[in-house]
Amino acid sequence: MNRADGLVQRRNVARAATADADDPARADGDDGRGGDDERVDGDSKEARLTLMEEVLMLGIKDKEGYTSFWNDCISSGLRGCVMIELASRGRIELEKAAMRRKSLLGRKVLLKNDQPTGDVLLDEALRHIKDTQPPESVQNWIEYLSGETWNPLKLRYQLRYVRERLAKNLVEKGVLTTEKTNFMLFDMTTHPVTDGQTKARIVKKVQDAVLTKWINDPQRMEKRTLALLMLAQASDVLENAFSPLSDDDYELAMKRVKELTDLDLEAEAAKPNANALMWSVFASFLK
């Protein structure tokens, strides 16, 4: 066993030993990378992060260790990330448009493969989707998973403590740490950034995507990077990545993000090799 394998094994043992009551039973062999179907780029810690974790990292204040109290978008944004992760791993798909050409928001989410991913949050959402008949739309699922529904029968689908659970995953991966911070009348658990390089790589990735590596065709963009841009924007954390830019670069970056959000999403989803469910998630936030 080499050093890297030994480190992964020790993290697996630590994760199993520290699982708390908030988390359902963890899948065997979960190393935090989401199973065999998660693309991994060498040993980069960034490559081991899920889309949810990357969006959360963009929202977390480095020293304070928490997201903005005024951000009321990140909750639903993270649930959108869950849907895209499940689709990218081949677990769910959007029903075909068929002859009547249903709109993206009118098409239902279908189960494609119920094999666990090894990620607790993803597998919890996957079980809900599997057990629900008739199928629901992407927009409905984002609302159900966020707990933002008026239907009391759907409240059981809510994914609880998502930010805290993602933060714990990032602590186990050595990206964040855990501290107690006093806020006058109460103590709050916070998770300051300890691995600044991983945070910097995520920030650079979204900056480069709309500046030095800009591709004026979303179909040619790497799907995961496109999803990160769009969901970071929907979660109101993208500006955190752009704030260090010069005024000119900031304006250019925001202009190109607007070009993406102004796209004809129905047309993009209908193109060959497009991930229709991903575009449906985008449409849910841009409706």
Protein backbone atom coordinates (compact mmCIF):
# COMPACT_ATOMS: atom_id res chain seq x y z
CA MET A 1 0.00 0.00 0.00
CA ASN A 2 1.48 3.36 -1.00
CA ARG A 3 1.27 6.50 1.05
CA ALA A 4 -1.74 7.92 -0.83
CA ASP A 5 -3.72 4.70 -0.45
CA GLY A 6 -2.91 4.62 3.24
CA LEU A 7 -4.13 8.19 3.68
CA VAL A 8 -7.43 7.40 1.93
CA GLN A 9 -7.92 4.30 4.10
CA ARG A 10 -7.29 6.28 7.31
CA ARG A 11 -9.79 8.93 6.20
CA ASN A 12 -12.38 6.22 5.52
CA VAL A 13 -11.93 4.84 9.03
CA ALA A 14 -12.14 8.32 10.57
CA ARG A 15 -15.27 9.14 8.58
CA ALA A 16 -17.05 5.96 9.68
CA ALA A 17 -16.09 6.56 13.30
CA THR A 18 -17.28 10.17 13.40
CA ALA A 19 -20.57 9.88 11.47
CA ASP A 20 -23.22 11.70 13.51
CA ALA A 21 -26.95 11.43 13.86
CA ASP A 22 -27.55 13.90 11.03
CA ASP A 23 -26.08 11.52 8.46
CA PRO A 24 -27.76 8.36 7.18
CA ALA A 25 -25.69 5.18 6.97
CA ARG A 26 -22.67 5.71 4.76
CA ALA A 27 -21.98 3.50 1.76
CA ASP A 28 -19.08 1.08 2.12
CA GLY A 29 -15.83 2.29 0.64
CA ASP A 30 -16.82 5.95 0.40
CA ASP A 31 -13.62 7.97 0.14
CA GLY A 32 -15.39 11.26 -0.41
CA ARG A 33 -14.84 11.26 -4.17
CA GLY A 34 -18.29 10.02 -5.09
CA GLY A 35 -17.56 6.51 -6.30
CA ASP A 36 -15.92 5.09 -9.40
CA ASP A 37 -17.84 7.31 -11.79
CA GLU A 38 -16.48 10.58 -10.40
CA ARG A 39 -13.75 11.96 -12.64
CA VAL A 40 -10.50 12.46 -10.77
CA ASP A 41 -7.62 14.53 -12.07
CA GLY A 42 -4.51 13.03 -10.49
CA ASP A 43 -4.28 13.65 -6.75
CA SER A 44 -5.67 17.19 -6.87
CA LYS A 45 -7.92 17.88 -3.88
CA GLU A 46 -10.01 20.11 -6.09
CA ALA A 47 -10.83 17.13 -8.32
CA ARG A 48 -12.19 15.25 -5.32
CA LEU A 49 -14.71 17.95 -4.48
CA THR A 50 -18.32 17.59 -5.54
CA LEU A 51 -20.13 20.41 -7.31
CA MET A 52 -21.95 21.16 -4.04
CA GLU A 53 -18.65 21.47 -2.18
CA GLU A 54 -17.14 23.76 -4.81
CA VAL A 55 -20.11 26.13 -4.65
CA LEU A 56 -19.97 26.11 -0.85
CA MET A 57 -16.24 26.89 -0.95
CA LEU A 58 -16.94 29.97 -3.08
CA GLY A 59 -19.46 31.12 -0.48
CA ILE A 60 -17.46 30.48 2.70
CA LYS A 61 -15.51 33.40 4.16
CA ASP A 62 -11.91 32.20 4.47
CA LYS A 63 -11.17 33.35 8.03
CA GLU A 64 -14.66 33.51 9.49
CA GLY A 65 -15.63 30.06 8.21
CA TYR A 66 -19.28 30.65 7.35
CA THR A 67 -21.41 31.88 4.45
CA SER A 68 -23.02 35.30 4.44
CA PHE A 69 -26.01 35.59 6.76
CA TRP A 70 -27.74 37.64 4.05
CA ASN A 71 -27.43 34.96 1.37
CA ASP A 72 -30.85 33.38 0.96
CA CYS A 73 -30.01 31.79 -2.43
CA ILE A 74 -27.32 29.26 -1.58
CA SER A 75 -29.72 26.75 -0.02
CA SER A 76 -31.67 26.14 -3.23
CA GLY A 77 -28.47 26.52 -5.28
CA LEU A 78 -26.87 23.59 -3.47
CA ARG A 79 -29.94 21.46 -4.16
CA GLY A 80 -29.58 22.33 -7.84
CA CYS A 81 -26.00 21.07 -7.59
CA VAL A 82 -27.31 17.78 -6.18
CA MET A 83 -29.54 17.29 -9.21
CA ILE A 84 -26.72 18.02 -11.67
CA GLU A 85 -24.32 15.70 -9.81
CA LEU A 86 -26.83 12.86 -9.98
CA ALA A 87 -27.36 13.47 -13.69
CA SER A 88 -23.63 13.67 -14.44
CA ARG A 89 -23.12 10.35 -12.65
CA GLY A 90 -25.79 8.69 -14.76
CA ARG A 91 -28.33 8.21 -11.95
CA ILE A 92 -31.17 10.41 -13.24
CA GLU A 93 -32.22 11.98 -16.53
CA LEU A 94 -34.87 14.29 -17.91
CA GLU A 95 -37.75 12.72 -19.80
CA LYS A 96 -37.65 13.15 -23.56
CA ALA A 97 -39.33 16.17 -25.09
CA ALA A 98 -41.43 13.85 -27.31
CA MET A 99 -43.81 15.01 -29.99
CA ARG A 100 -45.56 17.66 -27.90
CA ARG A 101 -42.24 19.35 -27.12
CA LYS A 102 -42.71 19.86 -23.41
CA SER A 103 -40.72 22.77 -21.97
CA LEU A 104 -37.67 22.10 -19.81
CA LEU A 105 -39.61 23.04 -16.69
CA GLY A 106 -42.50 20.78 -17.67
CA ARG A 107 -40.44 17.61 -18.20
CA LYS A 108 -40.08 15.11 -15.37
CA VAL A 109 -37.02 13.64 -13.68
CA LEU A 110 -36.66 9.92 -14.37
CA LEU A 111 -34.59 7.37 -12.49
CA LYS A 112 -31.87 5.92 -14.72
CA ASN A 113 -29.76 3.92 -12.29
CA ASP A 114 -30.45 3.41 -8.57
CA GLN A 115 -26.94 2.21 -7.70
CA PRO A 116 -25.61 4.25 -4.74
CA THR A 117 -22.97 6.85 -5.56
CA GLY A 118 -21.18 6.55 -2.22
CA ASP A 119 -21.98 10.18 -1.36
CA VAL A 120 -24.44 10.52 1.53
CA LEU A 121 -26.33 13.57 0.26
CA LEU A 122 -26.56 12.31 -3.30
CA ASP A 123 -27.78 8.90 -2.21
CA GLU A 124 -30.39 10.42 0.09
CA ALA A 125 -31.77 12.49 -2.79
CA LEU A 126 -31.57 9.49 -5.11
CA ARG A 127 -33.70 7.40 -2.74
CA HIS A 128 -36.36 10.13 -2.65
CA ILE A 129 -36.46 10.29 -6.45
CA LYS A 130 -36.63 6.49 -6.71
CA ASP A 131 -39.53 6.26 -4.25
CA THR A 132 -41.63 9.04 -5.82
CA GLN A 133 -44.42 8.26 -8.27
CA PRO A 134 -45.52 9.87 -10.46
CA PRO A 135 -42.24 11.60 -11.34
CA GLU A 136 -41.71 15.27 -10.50
CA SER A 137 -40.06 18.13 -12.40
CA VAL A 138 -36.57 19.46 -11.66
CA GLN A 139 -38.01 22.69 -10.27
CA ASN A 140 -40.25 20.73 -7.89
CA TRP A 141 -37.36 18.60 -6.72
CA ILE A 142 -35.22 21.64 -5.94
CA GLU A 143 -38.10 23.02 -3.86
CA TYR A 144 -38.72 19.69 -2.10
CA LEU A 145 -35.04 19.11 -1.29
CA SER A 146 -34.82 22.68 0.03
CA GLY A 147 -37.95 22.29 2.15
CA GLU A 148 -39.48 25.25 0.29
CA THR A 149 -42.86 23.72 -0.46
CA TRP A 150 -46.36 24.38 0.80
CA ASN A 151 -47.25 20.71 0.44
CA PRO A 152 -46.81 19.10 3.90
CA LEU A 153 -46.62 15.65 2.31
CA LYS A 154 -43.44 16.68 0.48
CA LEU A 155 -41.57 18.01 3.52
CA ARG A 156 -40.13 14.55 4.15
CA TYR A 157 -37.99 15.01 1.04
CA GLN A 158 -36.03 17.91 2.54
CA LEU A 159 -32.27 17.44 2.76
CA ARG A 160 -31.39 18.81 6.19
CA TYR A 161 -28.20 20.47 7.45
CA VAL A 162 -26.70 20.41 3.95
CA ARG A 163 -24.15 23.18 4.49
CA GLU A 164 -22.96 21.68 7.77
CA ARG A 165 -22.72 18.20 6.26
CA LEU A 166 -20.78 19.49 3.26
CA ALA A 167 -18.48 21.43 5.59
CA LYS A 168 -17.79 18.25 7.57
CA ASN A 169 -16.85 16.49 4.33
CA LEU A 170 -14.46 19.32 3.52
CA VAL A 171 -12.94 19.09 7.01
CA GLU A 172 -12.30 15.38 6.42
CA LYS A 173 -10.67 16.22 3.10
CA GLY A 174 -8.34 18.70 4.83
CA VAL A 175 -9.78 21.77 3.10
CA LEU A 176 -11.59 23.31 6.10
CA THR A 177 -11.20 23.09 9.86
CA THR A 178 -13.71 23.32 12.70
CA GLU A 179 -13.84 26.07 15.33
CA LYS A 180 -16.30 27.51 17.82
CA THR A 181 -17.03 31.21 17.37
CA ASN A 182 -18.82 33.31 19.98
CA PHE A 183 -21.60 35.55 18.67
CA MET A 184 -22.52 37.53 21.77
CA LEU A 185 -25.37 35.32 22.97
CA PHE A 186 -24.42 31.98 21.51
CA ASP A 187 -21.57 29.89 20.17
CA MET A 188 -21.62 28.83 16.52
CA THR A 189 -19.59 26.13 14.82
CA THR A 190 -17.58 27.63 11.98
CA HIS A 191 -15.31 26.11 9.33
CA PRO A 192 -12.43 28.42 8.29
CA VAL A 193 -10.44 27.56 5.18
CA THR A 194 -7.16 25.76 5.91
CA ASP A 195 -6.23 24.74 2.37
CA GLY A 196 -6.02 28.06 0.60
CA GLN A 197 -4.61 26.45 -2.54
CA THR A 198 -7.76 24.43 -3.13
CA LYS A 199 -9.92 27.53 -2.67
CA ALA A 200 -7.62 29.49 -4.99
CA ARG A 201 -7.87 26.80 -7.67
CA ILE A 202 -11.67 26.93 -7.63
CA VAL A 203 -11.63 30.73 -7.83
CA LYS A 204 -9.10 30.64 -10.69
CA LYS A 205 -11.17 28.05 -12.54
CA VAL A 206 -14.29 30.23 -12.63
CA GLN A 207 -12.25 33.34 -13.44
CA ASP A 208 -10.42 31.63 -16.31
CA ALA A 209 -13.66 30.18 -17.67
CA VAL A 210 -14.96 33.68 -18.46
CA LEU A 211 -11.61 35.38 -19.18
CA THR A 212 -8.48 33.66 -20.49
CA LYS A 213 -10.23 30.38 -21.37
CA TRP A 214 -13.54 31.85 -22.49
CA ILE A 215 -15.28 29.77 -25.16
CA ASN A 216 -18.12 31.62 -26.82
CA ASP A 217 -20.13 28.41 -27.16
CA PRO A 218 -21.60 26.72 -24.06
CA GLN A 219 -21.75 23.38 -25.87
CA ARG A 220 -17.95 23.37 -26.14
CA MET A 221 -17.41 24.38 -22.52
CA GLU A 222 -16.55 21.66 -20.03
CA LYS A 223 -19.95 20.77 -18.57
CA ARG A 224 -18.80 20.74 -14.96
CA THR A 225 -17.23 24.19 -15.26
CA LEU A 226 -20.37 25.53 -16.95
CA ALA A 227 -22.48 24.06 -14.12
CA LEU A 228 -20.17 25.61 -11.52
CA LEU A 229 -20.50 29.03 -13.13
CA MET A 230 -24.28 28.88 -13.43
CA LEU A 231 -24.94 27.40 -9.98
CA ALA A 232 -22.47 29.75 -8.29
CA GLN A 233 -24.38 32.61 -9.91
CA ALA A 234 -27.72 31.12 -8.81
CA SER A 235 -26.32 30.72 -5.26
CA ASP A 236 -25.15 34.36 -5.20
CA VAL A 237 -21.52 33.43 -4.52
CA LEU A 238 -19.94 33.99 -7.95
CA GLU A 239 -19.15 37.62 -7.23
CA ASN A 240 -16.88 36.43 -4.40
CA ALA A 241 -14.65 34.83 -7.04
CA PHE A 242 -14.70 37.92 -9.25
CA SER A 243 -14.13 40.56 -6.56
CA PRO A 244 -10.26 40.31 -6.69
CA LEU A 245 -10.29 41.10 -10.43
CA SER A 246 -9.40 44.46 -11.91
CA ASP A 247 -12.34 46.68 -12.82
CA ASP A 248 -12.01 45.87 -16.53
CA ASP A 249 -11.75 42.12 -15.98
CA TYR A 250 -14.65 42.21 -13.50
CA GLU A 251 -16.90 43.94 -16.02
CA LEU A 252 -15.88 41.50 -18.76
CA ALA A 253 -16.44 38.48 -16.50
CA MET A 254 -19.91 39.65 -15.47
CA LYS A 255 -20.77 40.48 -19.10
CA ARG A 256 -19.94 36.92 -20.16
CA VAL A 257 -21.87 35.40 -17.28
CA LYS A 258 -24.86 37.45 -18.43
CA GLU A 259 -24.37 36.05 -21.93
CA LEU A 260 -24.71 32.57 -20.43
CA THR A 261 -27.79 33.41 -18.39
CA ASP A 262 -29.41 35.09 -21.43
CA LEU A 263 -29.09 31.97 -23.59
CA ASP A 264 -32.10 30.24 -25.10
CA LEU A 265 -32.01 27.33 -22.65
CA GLU A 266 -34.61 25.30 -24.55
CA ALA A 267 -32.50 25.49 -27.71
CA GLU A 268 -29.30 24.59 -25.86
CA ALA A 269 -30.93 21.56 -24.23
CA ALA A 270 -32.11 20.30 -27.62
CA LYS A 271 -28.61 20.25 -29.14
CA PRO A 272 -26.76 16.94 -29.65
CA ASN A 273 -24.97 15.58 -26.55
CA ALA A 274 -26.50 18.25 -24.31
CA ASN A 275 -27.37 17.25 -20.74
CA ALA A 276 -31.02 18.27 -20.75
CA LEU A 277 -31.40 17.89 -16.99
CA MET A 278 -28.52 20.29 -16.39
CA TRP A 279 -30.20 22.91 -18.61
CA SER A 280 -33.47 22.29 -16.79
CA VAL A 281 -31.74 23.10 -13.50
CA PHE A 282 -30.45 26.33 -15.03
CA ALA A 283 -33.96 27.14 -16.25
CA SER A 284 -35.33 26.60 -12.72
CA PHE A 285 -33.21 29.47 -11.43
CA LEU A 286 -33.61 31.75 -14.45
CA LYS A 287 -37.37 31.38 -14.89
